[in-house]
């Protein structure tokens, strides 16, 4: 039940494309950290201070916070504080023991019937040839040893947010509704021009963008003006005409998906 409440609360969260104020809800409901979130690394969060003179990128581990809220230009300060308070109350009521689950398929996510409900945790493993850390999911077997959770893994719920597998990593769903927005990274590897003693080594090329998940079909699309208009807003003439009149369309894309989800909720 509490999980459903959290999913509904996440509908209030929207994407911001500019440097604005985000909130990290610290563990134990002690306080909220006002900052600019740079990247959700799943096992931790990189963030910057709101002080423009401070260019340091700070990091906070996932066991030090309960969740976070991305700035939403459509929310007033009172609405945003109300959202944070609701999240804190939920974690207080549950003694911070939010249920974690893994979805093996899109159907499990859509029906909220995960097949993997055992305890699991996140762990970063360093891949030497790629010179990077890869996030993997582990559980504890009957002998007390760590055991890697193998595919298929469509996504998981960590007690606060839902992450779905995308590319080599996971993207957090920033909105839950008929269309779910998330920030994803696609990775390719190239060996050209990198090497020692004529031995080529792979290097990573990453492209990042916002995408949206169709809750009805499980299909994923790049969030651009064309896909927004033809795949979503074409179903609502009023919102479509309003979006066409927007002078700056890119910063408004996420807001229009939130508007559409509110007008056309999941039945």
C-alpha atoms as a PDB file:
ATOM      1  CA  UNK A   1       0.000   0.000   0.000  1.00  0.00           C
ATOM      2  CA  UNK A   2       2.771   2.427   0.967  1.00  0.00           C
ATOM      3  CA  UNK A   3       4.516   1.585  -2.285  1.00  0.00           C
ATOM      4  CA  UNK A   4       1.466   2.688  -4.260  1.00  0.00           C
ATOM      5  CA  UNK A   5       1.375   5.933  -2.268  1.00  0.00           C
ATOM      6  CA  UNK A   6       5.014   6.586  -3.128  1.00  0.00           C
ATOM      7  CA  UNK A   7       4.347   5.977  -6.807  1.00  0.00           C
ATOM      8  CA  UNK A   8       1.504   8.484  -6.705  1.00  0.00           C
ATOM      9  CA  UNK A   9       3.693  11.031  -4.939  1.00  0.00           C
ATOM     10  CA  UNK A  10       6.348  10.674  -7.609  1.00  0.00           C
ATOM     11  CA  UNK A  11       3.820  11.969 -10.149  1.00  0.00           C
ATOM     12  CA  UNK A  12       4.497  15.414  -8.685  1.00  0.00           C
ATOM     13  CA  UNK A  13       8.160  15.314  -9.674  1.00  0.00           C
ATOM     14  CA  UNK A  14       9.114  16.838 -13.031  1.00  0.00           C
ATOM     15  CA  UNK A  15      12.276  17.347 -15.016  1.00  0.00           C
ATOM     16  CA  UNK A  16      14.264  20.568 -14.905  1.00  0.00           C
ATOM     17  CA  UNK A  17      16.696  21.411 -17.684  1.00  0.00           C
ATOM     18  CA  UNK A  18      18.469  24.276 -15.967  1.00  0.00           C
ATOM     19  CA  UNK A  19      20.583  24.838 -12.852  1.00  0.00           C
ATOM     20  CA  UNK A  20      17.915  25.038 -10.158  1.00  0.00           C
ATOM     21  CA  UNK A  21      17.447  23.968  -6.576  1.00  0.00           C
ATOM     22  CA  UNK A  22      17.042  20.250  -5.870  1.00  0.00           C
ATOM     23  CA  UNK A  23      16.482  18.514  -2.520  1.00  0.00           C
ATOM     24  CA  UNK A  24      18.177  15.448  -1.046  1.00  0.00           C
ATOM     25  CA  UNK A  25      16.150  13.991   1.840  1.00  0.00           C
ATOM     26  CA  UNK A  26      18.710  12.861   4.400  1.00  0.00           C
ATOM     27  CA  UNK A  27      18.469   9.583   6.293  1.00  0.00           C
ATOM     28  CA  UNK A  28      16.358   9.578   9.413  1.00  0.00           C
ATOM     29  CA  UNK A  29      14.263  12.547   8.284  1.00  0.00           C
ATOM     30  CA  UNK A  30      16.695  14.882  10.017  1.00  0.00           C
ATOM     31  CA  UNK A  31      16.923  17.491   7.278  1.00  0.00           C
ATOM     32  CA  UNK A  32      16.930  18.172   3.557  1.00  0.00           C
ATOM     33  CA  UNK A  33      20.035  19.146   1.620  1.00  0.00           C
ATOM     34  CA  UNK A  34      19.387  21.942  -0.877  1.00  0.00           C
ATOM     35  CA  UNK A  35      21.705  21.555  -3.847  1.00  0.00           C
ATOM     36  CA  UNK A  36      21.955  20.895  -7.591  1.00  0.00           C
ATOM     37  CA  UNK A  37      21.957  17.163  -8.369  1.00  0.00           C
ATOM     38  CA  UNK A  38      24.510  16.377 -11.077  1.00  0.00           C
ATOM     39  CA  UNK A  39      24.019  12.625 -11.440  1.00  0.00           C
ATOM     40  CA  UNK A  40      22.201   9.742  -9.783  1.00  0.00           C
ATOM     41  CA  UNK A  41      24.869   7.007  -9.741  1.00  0.00           C
ATOM     42  CA  UNK A  42      22.436   4.567  -8.081  1.00  0.00           C
ATOM     43  CA  UNK A  43      24.850   3.721  -5.255  1.00  0.00           C
ATOM     44  CA  UNK A  44      25.402   7.428  -4.605  1.00  0.00           C
ATOM     45  CA  UNK A  45      24.533  10.917  -5.844  1.00  0.00           C
ATOM     46  CA  UNK A  46      26.892  13.550  -7.213  1.00  0.00           C
ATOM     47  CA  UNK A  47      25.769  17.080  -6.414  1.00  0.00           C
ATOM     48  CA  UNK A  48      26.955  20.678  -6.416  1.00  0.00           C
ATOM     49  CA  UNK A  49      26.535  23.437  -3.904  1.00  0.00           C
ATOM     50  CA  UNK A  50      24.105  26.240  -4.761  1.00  0.00           C
ATOM     51  CA  UNK A  51      27.013  28.617  -4.179  1.00  0.00           C
ATOM     52  CA  UNK A  52      28.075  29.418  -7.758  1.00  0.00           C
ATOM     53  CA  UNK A  53      31.638  30.098  -6.589  1.00  0.00           C
ATOM     54  CA  UNK A  54      31.990  26.531  -5.331  1.00  0.00           C
ATOM     55  CA  UNK A  55      32.689  24.279  -8.347  1.00  0.00           C
ATOM     56  CA  UNK A  56      33.349  21.152  -6.250  1.00  0.00           C
ATOM     57  CA  UNK A  57      31.275  18.070  -7.076  1.00  0.00           C
ATOM     58  CA  UNK A  58      30.270  16.405  -3.805  1.00  0.00           C
ATOM     59  CA  UNK A  59      29.078  12.823  -3.325  1.00  0.00           C
ATOM     60  CA  UNK A  60      26.621  11.243  -0.892  1.00  0.00           C
ATOM     61  CA  UNK A  61      26.173   7.466  -0.502  1.00  0.00           C
ATOM     62  CA  UNK A  62      22.746   5.860  -0.949  1.00  0.00           C
ATOM     63  CA  UNK A  63      22.631   4.697   2.694  1.00  0.00           C
ATOM     64  CA  UNK A  64      22.887   8.330   3.822  1.00  0.00           C
ATOM     65  CA  UNK A  65      19.648   9.538   2.202  1.00  0.00           C
ATOM     66  CA  UNK A  66      16.044   8.383   1.799  1.00  0.00           C
ATOM     67  CA  UNK A  67      15.494   9.948  -1.614  1.00  0.00           C
ATOM     68  CA  UNK A  68      15.555  13.178  -3.505  1.00  0.00           C
ATOM     69  CA  UNK A  69      13.272  15.653  -5.267  1.00  0.00           C
ATOM     70  CA  UNK A  70      14.171  17.305  -8.562  1.00  0.00           C
ATOM     71  CA  UNK A  71      13.176  20.938  -8.914  1.00  0.00           C
ATOM     72  CA  UNK A  72       9.819  21.390 -10.618  1.00  0.00           C
ATOM     73  CA  UNK A  73       9.047  24.812 -12.049  1.00  0.00           C
ATOM     74  CA  UNK A  74       5.317  24.060 -11.727  1.00  0.00           C
ATOM     75  CA  UNK A  75       5.460  23.483  -7.974  1.00  0.00           C
ATOM     76  CA  UNK A  76       5.302  26.366  -5.544  1.00  0.00           C
ATOM     77  CA  UNK A  77       7.618  26.409  -2.543  1.00  0.00           C
ATOM     78  CA  UNK A  78       4.725  25.337  -0.276  1.00  0.00           C
ATOM     79  CA  UNK A  79       3.808  22.435  -2.604  1.00  0.00           C
ATOM     80  CA  UNK A  80       7.408  21.273  -2.736  1.00  0.00           C
ATOM     81  CA  UNK A  81       7.790  21.394   1.049  1.00  0.00           C
ATOM     82  CA  UNK A  82       4.494  19.494   1.365  1.00  0.00           C
ATOM     83  CA  UNK A  83       5.830  16.758  -0.923  1.00  0.00           C
ATOM     84  CA  UNK A  84       9.012  16.399   1.125  1.00  0.00           C
ATOM     85  CA  UNK A  85       6.981  16.251   4.345  1.00  0.00           C
ATOM     86  CA  UNK A  86       4.794  13.456   2.950  1.00  0.00           C
ATOM     87  CA  UNK A  87       7.868  11.428   1.986  1.00  0.00           C
ATOM     88  CA  UNK A  88       9.390  11.923   5.433  1.00  0.00           C
ATOM     89  CA  UNK A  89       6.165  10.847   7.131  1.00  0.00           C
ATOM     90  CA  UNK A  90       6.023   7.655   5.055  1.00  0.00           C
ATOM     91  CA  UNK A  91       9.563   6.712   6.047  1.00  0.00           C
ATOM     92  CA  UNK A  92       8.873   7.547   9.698  1.00  0.00           C
ATOM     93  CA  UNK A  93       5.800   5.316   9.731  1.00  0.00           C
ATOM     94  CA  UNK A  94       7.733   2.440   8.177  1.00  0.00           C
ATOM     95  CA  UNK A  95      10.857   2.877  10.334  1.00  0.00           C
ATOM     96  CA  UNK A  96      12.878   3.235   7.145  1.00  0.00           C
ATOM     97  CA  UNK A  97      12.264  -0.390   6.189  1.00  0.00           C
ATOM     98  CA  UNK A  98      10.803   0.268   2.748  1.00  0.00           C
ATOM     99  CA  UNK A  99      10.346  -2.932   0.755  1.00  0.00           C
ATOM    100  CA  UNK A 100      12.807  -3.425  -2.085  1.00  0.00           C
ATOM    101  CA  UNK A 101      11.823  -5.503  -5.086  1.00  0.00           C
ATOM    102  CA  UNK A 102      13.197  -6.469  -8.507  1.00  0.00           C
ATOM    103  CA  UNK A 103      11.069  -6.600 -11.627  1.00  0.00           C
ATOM    104  CA  UNK A 104      12.066  -9.337 -14.063  1.00  0.00           C
ATOM    105  CA  UNK A 105       9.861  -7.923 -16.837  1.00  0.00           C
ATOM    106  CA  UNK A 106       7.806  -4.889 -17.795  1.00  0.00           C
ATOM    107  CA  UNK A 107       4.629  -6.855 -17.078  1.00  0.00           C
ATOM    108  CA  UNK A 108       5.723  -7.377 -13.464  1.00  0.00           C
ATOM    109  CA  UNK A 109       6.249  -3.628 -13.098  1.00  0.00           C
ATOM    110  CA  UNK A 110       2.952  -2.732 -14.764  1.00  0.00           C
ATOM    111  CA  UNK A 111       0.978  -5.151 -12.588  1.00  0.00           C
ATOM    112  CA  UNK A 112       3.043  -4.315  -9.467  1.00  0.00           C
ATOM    113  CA  UNK A 113       3.733  -8.019  -9.013  1.00  0.00           C
ATOM    114  CA  UNK A 114       7.506  -8.447  -8.698  1.00  0.00           C
ATOM    115  CA  UNK A 115       8.792 -12.020  -8.745  1.00  0.00           C
ATOM    116  CA  UNK A 116      11.959 -11.154  -6.777  1.00  0.00           C
ATOM    117  CA  UNK A 117      11.181  -9.910  -3.272  1.00  0.00           C
ATOM    118  CA  UNK A 118      14.224 -11.186  -1.362  1.00  0.00           C
ATOM    119  CA  UNK A 119      16.709  -8.795   0.200  1.00  0.00           C
ATOM    120  CA  UNK A 120      19.149  -7.309  -2.285  1.00  0.00           C
ATOM    121  CA  UNK A 121      21.734  -4.550  -2.354  1.00  0.00           C
ATOM    122  CA  UNK A 122      23.753  -2.546  -4.861  1.00  0.00           C
ATOM    123  CA  UNK A 123      27.456  -2.909  -5.364  1.00  0.00           C
ATOM    124  CA  UNK A 124      29.953  -1.323  -7.727  1.00  0.00           C
ATOM    125  CA  UNK A 125      32.485  -3.544  -9.483  1.00  0.00           C
ATOM    126  CA  UNK A 126      35.506  -2.103 -11.287  1.00  0.00           C
ATOM    127  CA  UNK A 127      35.977  -3.301 -14.886  1.00  0.00           C
ATOM    128  CA  UNK A 128      39.675  -2.896 -15.563  1.00  0.00           C
ATOM    129  CA  UNK A 129      39.586  -2.912 -19.366  1.00  0.00           C
ATOM    130  CA  UNK A 130      36.906  -0.215 -19.422  1.00  0.00           C
ATOM    131  CA  UNK A 131      38.415   1.726 -16.487  1.00  0.00           C
ATOM    132  CA  UNK A 132      35.010   2.238 -14.878  1.00  0.00           C
ATOM    133  CA  UNK A 133      32.710   0.982 -12.159  1.00  0.00           C
ATOM    134  CA  UNK A 134      29.639  -1.053 -13.080  1.00  0.00           C
ATOM    135  CA  UNK A 135      26.645  -1.181 -10.732  1.00  0.00           C
ATOM    136  CA  UNK A 136      25.321  -4.690 -10.080  1.00  0.00           C
ATOM    137  CA  UNK A 137      22.669  -6.201  -7.853  1.00  0.00           C
ATOM    138  CA  UNK A 138      23.500  -8.823  -5.223  1.00  0.00           C
ATOM    139  CA  UNK A 139      21.674 -10.904  -2.648  1.00  0.00           C
ATOM    140  CA  UNK A 140      22.774 -13.190   0.200  1.00  0.00           C
ATOM    141  CA  UNK A 141      22.406 -16.933  -0.399  1.00  0.00           C
ATOM    142  CA  UNK A 142      21.562 -19.631   2.159  1.00  0.00           C
ATOM    143  CA  UNK A 143      25.241 -19.973   3.115  1.00  0.00           C
ATOM    144  CA  UNK A 144      25.564 -16.281   3.929  1.00  0.00           C
ATOM    145  CA  UNK A 145      27.669 -15.474   0.843  1.00  0.00           C
ATOM    146  CA  UNK A 146      27.094 -12.687  -1.658  1.00  0.00           C
ATOM    147  CA  UNK A 147      25.466 -13.871  -4.865  1.00  0.00           C
ATOM    148  CA  UNK A 148      25.061 -11.771  -7.961  1.00  0.00           C
ATOM    149  CA  UNK A 149      21.486 -11.516  -9.250  1.00  0.00           C
ATOM    150  CA  UNK A 150      21.508 -12.612 -12.882  1.00  0.00           C
ATOM    151  CA  UNK A 151      19.362 -11.538 -15.802  1.00  0.00           C
ATOM    152  CA  UNK A 152      16.646 -10.894 -16.646  1.00  0.00           C
ATOM    153  CA  UNK A 153      16.402  -7.642 -14.698  1.00  0.00           C
ATOM    154  CA  UNK A 154      13.933  -5.132 -16.126  1.00  0.00           C
ATOM    155  CA  UNK A 155      14.206  -2.784 -13.164  1.00  0.00           C
ATOM    156  CA  UNK A 156      13.980  -2.464  -9.418  1.00  0.00           C
ATOM    157  CA  UNK A 157      12.349  -0.452  -6.648  1.00  0.00           C
ATOM    158  CA  UNK A 158      14.690   0.609  -3.836  1.00  0.00           C
ATOM    159  CA  UNK A 159      12.023   1.675  -1.372  1.00  0.00           C
ATOM    160  CA  UNK A 160      11.753   5.188  -2.730  1.00  0.00           C
ATOM    161  CA  UNK A 161      12.369   5.308  -6.480  1.00  0.00           C
ATOM    162  CA  UNK A 162      11.917   2.935  -9.404  1.00  0.00           C
ATOM    163  CA  UNK A 163      14.894   2.327 -11.703  1.00  0.00           C
ATOM    164  CA  UNK A 164      14.686   0.596 -15.084  1.00  0.00           C
ATOM    165  CA  UNK A 165      17.473  -1.074 -17.036  1.00  0.00           C
ATOM    166  CA  UNK A 166      18.660   1.107 -19.867  1.00  0.00           C
ATOM    167  CA  UNK A 167      21.912   0.724 -21.764  1.00  0.00           C
ATOM    168  CA  UNK A 168      24.674  -0.385 -19.405  1.00  0.00           C
ATOM    169  CA  UNK A 169      22.992   1.149 -16.372  1.00  0.00           C
ATOM    170  CA  UNK A 170      19.674   2.106 -14.806  1.00  0.00           C
ATOM    171  CA  UNK A 171      17.498   5.183 -15.194  1.00  0.00           C
ATOM    172  CA  UNK A 172      15.289   6.528 -12.416  1.00  0.00           C
ATOM    173  CA  UNK A 173      11.645   7.156 -13.320  1.00  0.00           C
ATOM    174  CA  UNK A 174      11.077  10.823 -12.479  1.00  0.00           C
ATOM    175  CA  UNK A 175       7.331  10.609 -13.114  1.00  0.00           C
ATOM    176  CA  UNK A 176       4.928   7.711 -12.796  1.00  0.00           C
ATOM    177  CA  UNK A 177       1.844   7.738 -15.001  1.00  0.00           C
ATOM    178  CA  UNK A 178       0.715   6.729 -18.468  1.00  0.00           C
ATOM    179  CA  UNK A 179       4.081   8.056 -19.629  1.00  0.00           C
ATOM    180  CA  UNK A 180       7.103   7.834 -17.340  1.00  0.00           C
ATOM    181  CA  UNK A 181      10.080  10.140 -17.828  1.00  0.00           C
ATOM    182  CA  UNK A 182      13.630   9.085 -17.039  1.00  0.00           C
ATOM    183  CA  UNK A 183      17.183  10.220 -17.754  1.00  0.00           C
ATOM    184  CA  UNK A 184      19.147   7.561 -19.618  1.00  0.00           C
ATOM    185  CA  UNK A 185      22.651   7.017 -20.886  1.00  0.00           C
ATOM    186  CA  UNK A 186      23.610   5.015 -23.947  1.00  0.00           C
ATOM    187  CA  UNK A 187      27.166   3.766 -24.111  1.00  0.00           C
ATOM    188  CA  UNK A 188      29.364   2.656 -26.994  1.00  0.00           C
ATOM    189  CA  UNK A 189      32.960   1.496 -26.902  1.00  0.00           C
ATOM    190  CA  UNK A 190      35.697   2.341 -29.375  1.00  0.00           C
ATOM    191  CA  UNK A 191      39.336   1.281 -29.616  1.00  0.00           C
ATOM    192  CA  UNK A 192      40.477   3.773 -32.253  1.00  0.00           C
ATOM    193  CA  UNK A 193      43.349   6.014 -31.255  1.00  0.00           C
ATOM    194  CA  UNK A 194      43.835   4.613 -27.760  1.00  0.00           C
ATOM    195  CA  UNK A 195      46.626   2.191 -27.036  1.00  0.00           C
ATOM    196  CA  UNK A 196      49.980   1.396 -25.499  1.00  0.00           C
ATOM    197  CA  UNK A 197      52.712  -0.020 -27.711  1.00  0.00           C
ATOM    198  CA  UNK A 198      50.246  -0.285 -30.598  1.00  0.00           C
ATOM    199  CA  UNK A 199      47.781  -2.211 -28.416  1.00  0.00           C
ATOM    200  CA  UNK A 200      44.335  -0.670 -28.693  1.00  0.00           C
ATOM    201  CA  UNK A 201      42.310  -0.310 -25.501  1.00  0.00           C
ATOM    202  CA  UNK A 202      38.572   0.374 -25.433  1.00  0.00           C
ATOM    203  CA  UNK A 203      37.327   3.760 -24.347  1.00  0.00           C
ATOM    204  CA  UNK A 204      33.810   4.706 -23.400  1.00  0.00           C
ATOM    205  CA  UNK A 205      31.563   7.113 -25.288  1.00  0.00           C
ATOM    206  CA  UNK A 206      28.351   8.078 -23.509  1.00  0.00           C
ATOM    207  CA  UNK A 207      25.379  10.031 -24.789  1.00  0.00           C
ATOM    208  CA  UNK A 208      22.765  11.221 -22.294  1.00  0.00           C
ATOM    209  CA  UNK A 209      19.180  12.335 -22.869  1.00  0.00           C
ATOM    210  CA  UNK A 210      15.667  12.223 -21.450  1.00  0.00           C
ATOM    211  CA  UNK A 211      13.401   9.362 -22.536  1.00  0.00           C
ATOM    212  CA  UNK A 212       9.868   8.297 -21.721  1.00  0.00           C
ATOM    213  CA  UNK A 213       8.335   4.900 -21.085  1.00  0.00           C
ATOM    214  CA  UNK A 214       4.870   4.079 -22.439  1.00  0.00           C
ATOM    215  CA  UNK A 215       3.097   2.496 -19.448  1.00  0.00           C
ATOM    216  CA  UNK A 216       0.644   0.691 -21.737  1.00  0.00           C
ATOM    217  CA  UNK A 217       3.157  -1.036 -24.005  1.00  0.00           C
ATOM    218  CA  UNK A 218       6.549  -0.874 -22.298  1.00  0.00           C
ATOM    219  CA  UNK A 219       8.055   0.892 -25.326  1.00  0.00           C
ATOM    220  CA  UNK A 220      10.722   3.545 -24.752  1.00  0.00           C
ATOM    221  CA  UNK A 221      11.122   6.700 -26.846  1.00  0.00           C
ATOM    222  CA  UNK A 222      13.494   9.650 -26.914  1.00  0.00           C
ATOM    223  CA  UNK A 223      11.830  12.706 -25.390  1.00  0.00           C
ATOM    224  CA  UNK A 224      11.883  15.222 -28.231  1.00  0.00           C
ATOM    225  CA  UNK A 225       9.270  17.531 -29.719  1.00  0.00           C
ATOM    226  CA  UNK A 226       8.249  15.087 -32.439  1.00  0.00           C
ATOM    227  CA  UNK A 227       7.684  12.101 -30.146  1.00  0.00           C
ATOM    228  CA  UNK A 228       5.943  14.251 -27.535  1.00  0.00           C
ATOM    229  CA  UNK A 229       3.469  15.623 -30.076  1.00  0.00           C
ATOM    230  CA  UNK A 230       2.810  12.474 -32.119  1.00  0.00           C
ATOM    231  CA  UNK A 231       2.885   9.782 -29.425  1.00  0.00           C
ATOM    232  CA  UNK A 232       1.381  11.644 -26.444  1.00  0.00           C
ATOM    233  CA  UNK A 233      -0.177  15.061 -27.046  1.00  0.00           C
ATOM    234  CA  UNK A 234      -1.950  13.955 -30.233  1.00  0.00           C
ATOM    235  CA  UNK A 235      -4.379  12.231 -27.847  1.00  0.00           C
ATOM    236  CA  UNK A 236      -5.305  15.570 -26.229  1.00  0.00           C
ATOM    237  CA  UNK A 237      -6.050  18.406 -28.649  1.00  0.00           C
ATOM    238  CA  UNK A 238      -6.079  21.092 -25.941  1.00  0.00           C
ATOM    239  CA  UNK A 239      -2.608  20.209 -24.642  1.00  0.00           C
ATOM    240  CA  UNK A 240      -1.261  19.781 -28.178  1.00  0.00           C
ATOM    241  CA  UNK A 241      -2.369  23.248 -29.250  1.00  0.00           C
ATOM    242  CA  UNK A 242      -1.012  24.743 -26.028  1.00  0.00           C
ATOM    243  CA  UNK A 243       2.390  23.087 -26.563  1.00  0.00           C
ATOM    244  CA  UNK A 244       2.559  24.334 -30.166  1.00  0.00           C
ATOM    245  CA  UNK A 245       2.202  27.905 -28.890  1.00  0.00           C
ATOM    246  CA  UNK A 246       5.128  27.564 -26.459  1.00  0.00           C
ATOM    247  CA  UNK A 247       8.088  29.686 -27.594  1.00  0.00           C
ATOM    248  CA  UNK A 248      10.634  27.618 -25.641  1.00  0.00           C
ATOM    249  CA  UNK A 249       9.473  24.037 -26.078  1.00  0.00           C
ATOM    250  CA  UNK A 250      12.427  22.020 -24.770  1.00  0.00           C
ATOM    251  CA  UNK A 251      12.183  23.143 -21.093  1.00  0.00           C
ATOM    252  CA  UNK A 252       8.428  22.479 -21.176  1.00  0.00           C
ATOM    253  CA  UNK A 253       8.432  18.878 -22.434  1.00  0.00           C
ATOM    254  CA  UNK A 254       8.441  17.257 -19.005  1.00  0.00           C
ATOM    255  CA  UNK A 255       5.744  19.587 -17.731  1.00  0.00           C
ATOM    256  CA  UNK A 256       3.396  18.625 -20.568  1.00  0.00           C
ATOM    257  CA  UNK A 257       3.829  14.932 -19.833  1.00  0.00           C
ATOM    258  CA  UNK A 258       2.953  15.626 -16.195  1.00  0.00           C
ATOM    259  CA  UNK A 259      -0.122  17.593 -17.334  1.00  0.00           C
ATOM    260  CA  UNK A 260      -1.173  14.758 -19.646  1.00  0.00           C
ATOM    261  CA  UNK A 261      -0.730  12.155 -16.889  1.00  0.00           C
ATOM    262  CA  UNK A 262      -2.912  14.188 -14.524  1.00  0.00           C
ATOM    263  CA  UNK A 263      -5.676  14.575 -17.110  1.00  0.00           C
ATOM    264  CA  UNK A 264      -5.454  10.949 -18.228  1.00  0.00           C
ATOM    265  CA  UNK A 265      -4.531   8.819 -15.183  1.00  0.00           C
ATOM    266  CA  UNK A 266      -3.823   5.108 -15.292  1.00  0.00           C
ATOM    267  CA  UNK A 267      -7.083   3.239 -14.932  1.00  0.00           C
END
